[in-house]
Amino acid sequence: MVLRRAITESPKKVAGLKDLVNLPIQLREFAGGQSQMSHISFFLRVWSYIKDNKLQDPTNKNIVKCDEKLKTVLLGRSKVQLSELPMIVKLHFPKLPK
């Protein structure tokens, strides 16, 4: 729903999230060997990995406890706040010059 609203309000910003980008090697390993992926697809992959492996702190759901595989994506940090996730993932997808 939020993505749908963002598409109508600012389609250029959303287009940047949906464009395919060549992934660095450490991100390819996390993404299951795919060489290209969009920013939003990669973020959803990270989020589903967190949920599938129950990496959220049971007492505070706003904290993610990173395992070794997730640390490669989240800059080697052992704990990350949920609010920091989009910013950290965004660092792997630099803006392309026009």
PDB file of N, CA and C in Angstrom:
ATOM      1  N   MET A   1       0.821  -1.185   0.000  1.00  0.00           N
ATOM      2  CA  MET A   1       0.000   0.000   0.000  1.00  0.00           C
ATOM      3  C   MET A   1       0.867   1.252   0.000  1.00  0.00           C
ATOM      4  N   VAL A   2       1.911   1.263   0.816  1.00  0.00           N
ATOM      5  CA  VAL A   2       2.795   2.419   0.870  1.00  0.00           C
ATOM      6  C   VAL A   2       3.515   2.589  -0.459  1.00  0.00           C
ATOM      7  N   LEU A   3       3.959   1.479  -1.051  1.00  0.00           N
ATOM      8  CA  LEU A   3       4.641   1.544  -2.337  1.00  0.00           C
ATOM      9  C   LEU A   3       3.706   2.057  -3.420  1.00  0.00           C
ATOM     10  N   ARG A   4       2.464   1.631  -3.384  1.00  0.00           N
ATOM     11  CA  ARG A   4       1.490   2.080  -4.370  1.00  0.00           C
ATOM     12  C   ARG A   4       1.275   3.594  -4.270  1.00  0.00           C
ATOM     13  N   ARG A   5       1.208   4.101  -3.036  1.00  0.00           N
ATOM     14  CA  ARG A   5       1.036   5.545  -2.846  1.00  0.00           C
ATOM     15  C   ARG A   5       2.288   6.290  -3.309  1.00  0.00           C
ATOM     16  N   ALA A   6       3.465   5.734  -3.038  1.00  0.00           N
ATOM     17  CA  ALA A   6       4.710   6.367  -3.452  1.00  0.00           C
ATOM     18  C   ALA A   6       4.823   6.434  -4.967  1.00  0.00           C
ATOM     19  N   ILE A   7       4.321   5.410  -5.650  1.00  0.00           N
ATOM     20  CA  ILE A   7       4.370   5.396  -7.113  1.00  0.00           C
ATOM     21  C   ILE A   7       3.558   6.547  -7.686  1.00  0.00           C
ATOM     22  N   THR A   8       2.405   6.810  -7.105  1.00  0.00           N
ATOM     23  CA  THR A   8       1.565   7.885  -7.640  1.00  0.00           C
ATOM     24  C   THR A   8       2.094   9.257  -7.248  1.00  0.00           C
ATOM     25  N   GLU A   9       2.705   9.386  -6.070  1.00  0.00           N
ATOM     26  CA  GLU A   9       3.175  10.691  -5.610  1.00  0.00           C
ATOM     27  C   GLU A   9       4.511  11.088  -6.229  1.00  0.00           C
ATOM     28  N   SER A  10       5.439  10.138  -6.359  1.00  0.00           N
ATOM     29  CA  SER A  10       6.749  10.465  -6.916  1.00  0.00           C
ATOM     30  C   SER A  10       7.300   9.273  -7.705  1.00  0.00           C
ATOM     31  N   PRO A  11       6.843   9.136  -8.928  1.00  0.00           N
ATOM     32  CA  PRO A  11       7.235   7.968  -9.724  1.00  0.00           C
ATOM     33  C   PRO A  11       8.733   7.898 -10.028  1.00  0.00           C
ATOM     34  N   LYS A  12       9.439   9.035 -10.096  1.00  0.00           N
ATOM     35  CA  LYS A  12      10.871   9.008 -10.395  1.00  0.00           C
ATOM     36  C   LYS A  12      11.659   8.373  -9.253  1.00  0.00           C
ATOM     37  N   LYS A  13      11.284   8.642  -8.019  1.00  0.00           N
ATOM     38  CA  LYS A  13      11.975   8.046  -6.874  1.00  0.00           C
ATOM     39  C   LYS A  13      11.777   6.543  -6.843  1.00  0.00           C
ATOM     40  N   VAL A  14      10.585   6.089  -7.120  1.00  0.00           N
ATOM     41  CA  VAL A  14      10.288   4.659  -7.101  1.00  0.00           C
ATOM     42  C   VAL A  14      10.995   3.960  -8.250  1.00  0.00           C
ATOM     43  N   ALA A  15      11.130   4.635  -9.376  1.00  0.00           N
ATOM     44  CA  ALA A  15      11.825   4.027 -10.518  1.00  0.00           C
ATOM     45  C   ALA A  15      13.257   3.682 -10.142  1.00  0.00           C
ATOM     46  N   GLY A  16      13.898   4.508  -9.332  1.00  0.00           N
ATOM     47  CA  GLY A  16      15.257   4.220  -8.881  1.00  0.00           C
ATOM     48  C   GLY A  16      15.320   2.989  -7.998  1.00  0.00           C
ATOM     49  N   LEU A  17      14.254   2.718  -7.265  1.00  0.00           N
ATOM     50  CA  LEU A  17      14.215   1.534  -6.404  1.00  0.00           C
ATOM     51  C   LEU A  17      13.988   0.259  -7.205  1.00  0.00           C
ATOM     52  N   LYS A  18      13.354   0.386  -8.363  1.00  0.00           N
ATOM     53  CA  LYS A  18      12.985  -0.791  -9.152  1.00  0.00           C
ATOM     54  C   LYS A  18      14.002  -1.129 -10.230  1.00  0.00           C
ATOM     55  N   ASP A  19      14.969  -0.227 -10.502  1.00  0.00           N
ATOM     56  CA  ASP A  19      15.976  -0.483 -11.532  1.00  0.00           C
ATOM     57  C   ASP A  19      16.920  -1.594 -11.093  1.00  0.00           C
ATOM     58  N   LEU A  20      17.295  -2.441 -12.031  1.00  0.00           N
ATOM     59  CA  LEU A  20      18.242  -3.515 -11.737  1.00  0.00           C
ATOM     60  C   LEU A  20      19.654  -2.952 -11.621  1.00  0.00           C
ATOM     61  N   VAL A  21      20.381  -3.458 -10.633  1.00  0.00           N
ATOM     62  CA  VAL A  21      21.740  -3.015 -10.363  1.00  0.00           C
ATOM     63  C   VAL A  21      22.628  -4.250 -10.278  1.00  0.00           C
ATOM     64  N   ASN A  22      23.871  -4.144 -10.774  1.00  0.00           N
ATOM     65  CA  ASN A  22      24.821  -5.235 -10.619  1.00  0.00           C
ATOM     66  C   ASN A  22      25.235  -5.318  -9.156  1.00  0.00           C
ATOM     67  N   LEU A  23      25.107  -6.497  -8.565  1.00  0.00           N
ATOM     68  CA  LEU A  23      25.418  -6.673  -7.151  1.00  0.00           C
ATOM     69  C   LEU A  23      26.887  -7.007  -6.952  1.00  0.00           C
ATOM     70  N   PRO A  24      27.508  -6.457  -5.891  1.00  0.00           N
ATOM     71  CA  PRO A  24      28.869  -6.875  -5.539  1.00  0.00           C
ATOM     72  C   PRO A  24      28.864  -8.342  -5.110  1.00  0.00           C
ATOM     73  N   ILE A  25      30.022  -8.967  -5.073  1.00  0.00           N
ATOM     74  CA  ILE A  25      30.118 -10.410  -4.818  1.00  0.00           C
ATOM     75  C   ILE A  25      29.504 -10.809  -3.482  1.00  0.00           C
ATOM     76  N   GLN A  26      29.776 -10.061  -2.397  1.00  0.00           N
ATOM     77  CA  GLN A  26      29.225 -10.459  -1.095  1.00  0.00           C
ATOM     78  C   GLN A  26      27.706 -10.365  -1.076  1.00  0.00           C
ATOM     79  N   LEU A  27      27.127  -9.455  -1.836  1.00  0.00           N
ATOM     80  CA  LEU A  27      25.673  -9.368  -1.903  1.00  0.00           C
ATOM     81  C   LEU A  27      25.104 -10.460  -2.801  1.00  0.00           C
ATOM     82  N   ARG A  28      25.858 -10.866  -3.816  1.00  0.00           N
ATOM     83  CA  ARG A  28      25.393 -11.961  -4.689  1.00  0.00           C
ATOM     84  C   ARG A  28      25.229 -13.245  -3.887  1.00  0.00           C
ATOM     85  N   GLU A  29      26.176 -13.497  -2.992  1.00  0.00           N
ATOM     86  CA  GLU A  29      26.086 -14.699  -2.166  1.00  0.00           C
ATOM     87  C   GLU A  29      24.830 -14.659  -1.302  1.00  0.00           C
ATOM     88  N   PHE A  30      24.508 -13.499  -0.756  1.00  0.00           N
ATOM     89  CA  PHE A  30      23.309 -13.357   0.063  1.00  0.00           C
ATOM     90  C   PHE A  30      22.053 -13.485  -0.783  1.00  0.00           C
ATOM     91  N   ALA A  31      22.115 -12.998  -2.016  1.00  0.00           N
ATOM     92  CA  ALA A  31      20.935 -12.995  -2.902  1.00  0.00           C
ATOM     93  C   ALA A  31      20.768 -14.300  -3.659  1.00  0.00           C
ATOM     94  N   GLY A  32      21.462 -15.331  -3.245  1.00  0.00           N
ATOM     95  CA  GLY A  32      21.289 -16.625  -3.886  1.00  0.00           C
ATOM     96  C   GLY A  32      21.964 -16.735  -5.236  1.00  0.00           C
ATOM     97  N   GLY A  33      23.029 -15.982  -5.450  1.00  0.00           N
ATOM     98  CA  GLY A  33      23.788 -16.076  -6.688  1.00  0.00           C
ATOM     99  C   GLY A  33      23.303 -15.177  -7.808  1.00  0.00           C
ATOM    100  N   GLN A  34      22.255 -14.408  -7.581  1.00  0.00           N
ATOM    101  CA  GLN A  34      21.771 -13.500  -8.631  1.00  0.00           C
ATOM    102  C   GLN A  34      22.775 -12.365  -8.811  1.00  0.00           C
ATOM    103  N   SER A  35      23.069 -12.028 -10.052  1.00  0.00           N
ATOM    104  CA  SER A  35      24.050 -10.981 -10.317  1.00  0.00           C
ATOM    105  C   SER A  35      23.413  -9.592 -10.369  1.00  0.00           C
ATOM    106  N   GLN A  36      22.120  -9.531 -10.633  1.00  0.00           N
ATOM    107  CA  GLN A  36      21.418  -8.244 -10.675  1.00  0.00           C
ATOM    108  C   GLN A  36      20.151  -8.328  -9.847  1.00  0.00           C
ATOM    109  N   MET A  37      19.846  -7.223  -9.182  1.00  0.00           N
ATOM    110  CA  MET A  37      18.630  -7.168  -8.381  1.00  0.00           C
ATOM    111  C   MET A  37      18.291  -5.698  -8.139  1.00  0.00           C
ATOM    112  N   SER A  38      17.016  -5.421  -7.986  1.00  0.00           N
ATOM    113  CA  SER A  38      16.617  -4.047  -7.684  1.00  0.00           C
ATOM    114  C   SER A  38      16.792  -3.784  -6.187  1.00  0.00           C
ATOM    115  N   HIS A  39      16.857  -2.530  -5.842  1.00  0.00           N
ATOM    116  CA  HIS A  39      17.010  -2.116  -4.449  1.00  0.00           C
ATOM    117  C   HIS A  39      15.877  -2.664  -3.592  1.00  0.00           C
ATOM    118  N   ILE A  40      14.663  -2.517  -4.060  1.00  0.00           N
ATOM    119  CA  ILE A  40      13.500  -2.953  -3.278  1.00  0.00           C
ATOM    120  C   ILE A  40      13.462  -4.479  -3.159  1.00  0.00           C
ATOM    121  N   SER A  41      13.828  -5.195  -4.204  1.00  0.00           N
ATOM    122  CA  SER A  41      13.852  -6.661  -4.144  1.00  0.00           C
ATOM    123  C   SER A  41      14.892  -7.154  -3.149  1.00  0.00           C
ATOM    124  N   PHE A  42      16.043  -6.485  -3.139  1.00  0.00           N
ATOM    125  CA  PHE A  42      17.094  -6.891  -2.205  1.00  0.00           C
ATOM    126  C   PHE A  42      16.667  -6.609  -0.768  1.00  0.00           C
ATOM    127  N   PHE A  43      16.039  -5.468  -0.538  1.00  0.00           N
ATOM    128  CA  PHE A  43      15.565  -5.148   0.811  1.00  0.00           C
ATOM    129  C   PHE A  43      14.530  -6.179   1.276  1.00  0.00           C
ATOM    130  N   LEU A  44      13.628  -6.555   0.394  1.00  0.00           N
ATOM    131  CA  LEU A  44      12.630  -7.563   0.751  1.00  0.00           C
ATOM    132  C   LEU A  44      13.282  -8.913   1.029  1.00  0.00           C
ATOM    133  N   ARG A  45      14.349  -9.226   0.312  1.00  0.00           N
ATOM    134  CA  ARG A  45      15.089 -10.472   0.562  1.00  0.00           C
ATOM    135  C   ARG A  45      15.724 -10.442   1.949  1.00  0.00           C
ATOM    136  N   VAL A  46      16.301  -9.297   2.327  1.00  0.00           N
ATOM    137  CA  VAL A  46      16.900  -9.152   3.662  1.00  0.00           C
ATOM    138  C   VAL A  46      15.825  -9.296   4.735  1.00  0.00           C
ATOM    139  N   TRP A  47      14.699  -8.642   4.526  1.00  0.00           N
ATOM    140  CA  TRP A  47      13.620  -8.694   5.512  1.00  0.00           C
ATOM    141  C   TRP A  47      13.073 -10.110   5.667  1.00  0.00           C
ATOM    142  N   SER A  48      12.875 -10.814   4.574  1.00  0.00           N
ATOM    143  CA  SER A  48      12.369 -12.185   4.672  1.00  0.00           C
ATOM    144  C   SER A  48      13.391 -13.104   5.327  1.00  0.00           C
ATOM    145  N   TYR A  49      14.690 -12.861   5.095  1.00  0.00           N
ATOM    146  CA  TYR A  49      15.737 -13.648   5.755  1.00  0.00           C
ATOM    147  C   TYR A  49      15.677 -13.443   7.273  1.00  0.00           C
ATOM    148  N   ILE A  50      15.472 -12.207   7.698  1.00  0.00           N
ATOM    149  CA  ILE A  50      15.365 -11.901   9.127  1.00  0.00           C
ATOM    150  C   ILE A  50      14.165 -12.626   9.730  1.00  0.00           C
ATOM    151  N   LYS A  51      13.033 -12.570   9.050  1.00  0.00           N
ATOM    152  CA  LYS A  51      11.822 -13.215   9.565  1.00  0.00           C
ATOM    153  C   LYS A  51      11.946 -14.745   9.557  1.00  0.00           C
ATOM    154  N   ASP A  52      12.470 -15.311   8.470  1.00  0.00           N
ATOM    155  CA  ASP A  52      12.572 -16.769   8.352  1.00  0.00           C
ATOM    156  C   ASP A  52      13.519 -17.369   9.391  1.00  0.00           C
ATOM    157  N   ASN A  53      14.577 -16.638   9.715  1.00  0.00           N
ATOM    158  CA  ASN A  53      15.572 -17.142  10.661  1.00  0.00           C
ATOM    159  C   ASN A  53      15.363 -16.618  12.079  1.00  0.00           C
ATOM    160  N   LYS A  54      14.237 -15.930  12.300  1.00  0.00           N
ATOM    161  CA  LYS A  54      13.869 -15.420  13.630  1.00  0.00           C
ATOM    162  C   LYS A  54      15.016 -14.648  14.280  1.00  0.00           C
ATOM    163  N   LEU A  55      15.518 -13.645  13.558  1.00  0.00           N
ATOM    164  CA  LEU A  55      16.652 -12.866  14.030  1.00  0.00           C
ATOM    165  C   LEU A  55      16.240 -11.619  14.806  1.00  0.00           C
ATOM    166  N   GLN A  56      14.941 -11.376  14.925  1.00  0.00           N
ATOM    167  CA  GLN A  56      14.505 -10.256  15.748  1.00  0.00           C
ATOM    168  C   GLN A  56      14.625 -10.639  17.214  1.00  0.00           C
ATOM    169  N   ASP A  57      15.031  -9.671  18.038  1.00  0.00           N
ATOM    170  CA  ASP A  57      15.133  -9.893  19.473  1.00  0.00           C
ATOM    171  C   ASP A  57      13.736 -10.168  20.018  1.00  0.00           C
ATOM    172  N   PRO A  58      13.536 -11.282  20.747  1.00  0.00           N
ATOM    173  CA  PRO A  58      12.182 -11.606  21.227  1.00  0.00           C
ATOM    174  C   PRO A  58      11.629 -10.592  22.238  1.00  0.00           C
ATOM    175  N   THR A  59      12.498  -9.923  22.987  1.00  0.00           N
ATOM    176  CA  THR A  59      12.015  -8.953  23.971  1.00  0.00           C
ATOM    177  C   THR A  59      11.810  -7.574  23.356  1.00  0.00           C
ATOM    178  N   ASN A  60      12.602  -7.230  22.336  1.00  0.00           N
ATOM    179  CA  ASN A  60      12.479  -5.933  21.674  1.00  0.00           C
ATOM    180  C   ASN A  60      12.494  -6.177  20.169  1.00  0.00           C
ATOM    181  N   LYS A  61      11.340  -6.193  19.549  1.00  0.00           N
ATOM    182  CA  LYS A  61      11.209  -6.509  18.124  1.00  0.00           C
ATOM    183  C   LYS A  61      11.831  -5.455  17.216  1.00  0.00           C
ATOM    184  N   ASN A  62      12.256  -4.322  17.775  1.00  0.00           N
ATOM    185  CA  ASN A  62      12.896  -3.278  16.974  1.00  0.00           C
ATOM    186  C   ASN A  62      14.374  -3.531  16.759  1.00  0.00           C
ATOM    187  N   ILE A  63      14.910  -4.594  17.348  1.00  0.00           N
ATOM    188  CA  ILE A  63      16.333  -4.905  17.218  1.00  0.00           C
ATOM    189  C   ILE A  63      16.486  -6.231  16.472  1.00  0.00           C
ATOM    190  N   VAL A  64      17.409  -6.233  15.516  1.00  0.00           N
ATOM    191  CA  VAL A  64      17.726  -7.438  14.756  1.00  0.00           C
ATOM    192  C   VAL A  64      19.104  -7.913  15.204  1.00  0.00           C
ATOM    193  N   LYS A  65      19.184  -9.173  15.601  1.00  0.00           N
ATOM    194  CA  LYS A  65      20.469  -9.775  15.952  1.00  0.00           C
ATOM    195  C   LYS A  65      21.008 -10.455  14.699  1.00  0.00           C
ATOM    196  N   CYS A  66      22.133  -9.997  14.210  1.00  0.00           N
ATOM    197  CA  CYS A  66      22.661 -10.470  12.933  1.00  0.00           C
ATOM    198  C   CYS A  66      23.469 -11.750  13.098  1.00  0.00           C
ATOM    199  N   ASP A  67      23.228 -12.722  12.207  1.00  0.00           N
ATOM    200  CA  ASP A  67      24.095 -13.891  12.143  1.00  0.00           C
ATOM    201  C   ASP A  67      25.217 -13.571  11.147  1.00  0.00           C
ATOM    202  N   GLU A  68      26.100 -14.525  10.917  1.00  0.00           N
ATOM    203  CA  GLU A  68      27.269 -14.271  10.062  1.00  0.00           C
ATOM    204  C   GLU A  68      26.875 -13.895   8.635  1.00  0.00           C
ATOM    205  N   LYS A  69      25.865 -14.542   8.096  1.00  0.00           N
ATOM    206  CA  LYS A  69      25.445 -14.246   6.721  1.00  0.00           C
ATOM    207  C   LYS A  69      24.866 -12.836   6.615  1.00  0.00           C
ATOM    208  N   LEU A  70      24.084 -12.438   7.600  1.00  0.00           N
ATOM    209  CA  LEU A  70      23.475 -11.106   7.577  1.00  0.00           C
ATOM    210  C   LEU A  70      24.509 -10.012   7.840  1.00  0.00           C
ATOM    211  N   LYS A  71      25.542 -10.331   8.610  1.00  0.00           N
ATOM    212  CA  LYS A  71      26.596  -9.341   8.882  1.00  0.00           C
ATOM    213  C   LYS A  71      27.291  -8.886   7.605  1.00  0.00           C
ATOM    214  N   THR A  72      27.375  -9.762   6.593  1.00  0.00           N
ATOM    215  CA  THR A  72      28.026  -9.365   5.342  1.00  0.00           C
ATOM    216  C   THR A  72      27.254  -8.248   4.646  1.00  0.00           C
ATOM    217  N   VAL A  73      25.954  -8.220   4.841  1.00  0.00           N
ATOM    218  CA  VAL A  73      25.113  -7.197   4.216  1.00  0.00           C
ATOM    219  C   VAL A  73      25.035  -5.942   5.093  1.00  0.00           C
ATOM    220  N   LEU A  74      24.998  -6.135   6.396  1.00  0.00           N
ATOM    221  CA  LEU A  74      24.773  -5.020   7.319  1.00  0.00           C
ATOM    222  C   LEU A  74      26.071  -4.495   7.929  1.00  0.00           C
ATOM    223  N   LEU A  75      27.109  -4.438   7.111  1.00  0.00           N
ATOM    224  CA  LEU A  75      28.373  -3.791   7.446  1.00  0.00           C
ATOM    225  C   LEU A  75      29.058  -4.374   8.679  1.00  0.00           C
ATOM    226  N   GLY A  76      28.886  -5.663   8.917  1.00  0.00           N
ATOM    227  CA  GLY A  76      29.575  -6.337  10.013  1.00  0.00           C
ATOM    228  C   GLY A  76      29.025  -6.068  11.395  1.00  0.00           C
ATOM    229  N   ARG A  77      27.880  -5.451  11.478  1.00  0.00           N
ATOM    230  CA  ARG A  77      27.295  -5.128  12.785  1.00  0.00           C
ATOM    231  C   ARG A  77      26.592  -6.339  13.372  1.00  0.00           C
ATOM    232  N   SER A  78      26.682  -6.492  14.694  1.00  0.00           N
ATOM    233  CA  SER A  78      26.045  -7.643  15.338  1.00  0.00           C
ATOM    234  C   SER A  78      24.588  -7.369  15.701  1.00  0.00           C
ATOM    235  N   LYS A  79      24.239  -6.103  15.926  1.00  0.00           N
ATOM    236  CA  LYS A  79      22.854  -5.707  16.199  1.00  0.00           C
ATOM    237  C   LYS A  79      22.520  -4.471  15.375  1.00  0.00           C
ATOM    238  N   VAL A  80      21.293  -4.441  14.881  1.00  0.00           N
ATOM    239  CA  VAL A  80      20.835  -3.318  14.058  1.00  0.00           C
ATOM    240  C   VAL A  80      19.411  -2.985  14.459  1.00  0.00           C
ATOM    241  N   GLN A  81      19.098  -1.698  14.554  1.00  0.00           N
ATOM    242  CA  GLN A  81      17.720  -1.264  14.781  1.00  0.00           C
ATOM    243  C   GLN A  81      16.952  -1.409  13.464  1.00  0.00           C
ATOM    244  N   LEU A  82      15.676  -1.763  13.559  1.00  0.00           N
ATOM    245  CA  LEU A  82      14.862  -1.899  12.342  1.00  0.00           C
ATOM    246  C   LEU A  82      14.822  -0.601  11.545  1.00  0.00           C
ATOM    247  N   SER A  83      14.834   0.517  12.232  1.00  0.00           N
ATOM    248  CA  SER A  83      14.785   1.798  11.528  1.00  0.00           C
ATOM    249  C   SER A  83      16.055   2.065  10.726  1.00  0.00           C
ATOM    250  N   GLU A  84      17.164   1.393  11.051  1.00  0.00           N
ATOM    251  CA  GLU A  84      18.420   1.575  10.327  1.00  0.00           C
ATOM    252  C   GLU A  84      18.531   0.691   9.095  1.00  0.00           C
ATOM    253  N   LEU A  85      17.726  -0.348   9.012  1.00  0.00           N
ATOM    254  CA  LEU A  85      17.832  -1.311   7.911  1.00  0.00           C
ATOM    255  C   LEU A  85      17.770  -0.662   6.523  1.00  0.00           C
ATOM    256  N   PRO A  86      16.769   0.159   6.230  1.00  0.00           N
ATOM    257  CA  PRO A  86      16.725   0.745   4.878  1.00  0.00           C
ATOM    258  C   PRO A  86      17.952   1.587   4.550  1.00  0.00           C
ATOM    259  N   MET A  87      18.458   2.320   5.536  1.00  0.00           N
ATOM    260  CA  MET A  87      19.626   3.166   5.286  1.00  0.00           C
ATOM    261  C   MET A  87      20.875   2.330   5.010  1.00  0.00           C
ATOM    262  N   ILE A  88      21.041   1.226   5.748  1.00  0.00           N
ATOM    263  CA  ILE A  88      22.218   0.382   5.557  1.00  0.00           C
ATOM    264  C   ILE A  88      22.154  -0.327   4.215  1.00  0.00           C
ATOM    265  N   VAL A  89      20.993  -0.835   3.852  1.00  0.00           N
ATOM    266  CA  VAL A  89      20.847  -1.506   2.557  1.00  0.00           C
ATOM    267  C   VAL A  89      21.063  -0.501   1.430  1.00  0.00           C
ATOM    268  N   LYS A  90      20.616   0.714   1.624  1.00  0.00           N
ATOM    269  CA  LYS A  90      20.753   1.759   0.602  1.00  0.00           C
ATOM    270  C   LYS A  90      22.224   2.052   0.288  1.00  0.00           C
ATOM    271  N   LEU A  91      23.106   1.874   1.257  1.00  0.00           N
ATOM    272  CA  LEU A  91      24.532   2.122   1.035  1.00  0.00           C
ATOM    273  C   LEU A  91      25.119   1.207  -0.046  1.00  0.00           C
ATOM    274  N   HIS A  92      24.530   0.051  -0.246  1.00  0.00           N
ATOM    275  CA  HIS A  92      25.006  -0.883  -1.264  1.00  0.00           C
ATOM    276  C   HIS A  92      24.492  -0.526  -2.661  1.00  0.00           C
ATOM    277  N   PHE A  93      23.593   0.448  -2.761  1.00  0.00           N
ATOM    278  CA  PHE A  93      22.996   0.840  -4.036  1.00  0.00           C
ATOM    279  C   PHE A  93      23.224   2.326  -4.281  1.00  0.00           C
ATOM    280  N   PRO A  94      24.437   2.718  -4.655  1.00  0.00           N
ATOM    281  CA  PRO A  94      24.718   4.137  -4.870  1.00  0.00           C
ATOM    282  C   PRO A  94      23.930   4.690  -6.060  1.00  0.00           C
ATOM    283  N   LYS A  95      23.658   5.986  -5.999  1.00  0.00           N
ATOM    284  CA  LYS A  95      22.954   6.625  -7.109  1.00  0.00           C
ATOM    285  C   LYS A  95      23.864   6.675  -8.323  1.00  0.00           C
ATOM    286  N   LEU A  96      23.290   6.362  -9.463  1.00  0.00           N
ATOM    287  CA  LEU A  96      24.044   6.412 -10.703  1.00  0.00           C
ATOM    288  C   LEU A  96      24.025   7.830 -11.265  1.00  0.00           C
ATOM    289  N   PRO A  97      25.159   8.324 -11.755  1.00  0.00           N
ATOM    290  CA  PRO A  97      25.148   9.662 -12.349  1.00  0.00           C
ATOM    291  C   PRO A  97      24.315   9.697 -13.623  1.00  0.00           C
ATOM    292  N   LYS A  98      23.668  10.822 -13.836  1.00  0.00           N
ATOM    293  CA  LYS A  98      22.787  10.949 -15.024  1.00  0.00           C
ATOM    294  C   LYS A  98      23.559  11.406 -16.215  1.00  0.00           C
TER     295      LYS A  98
END
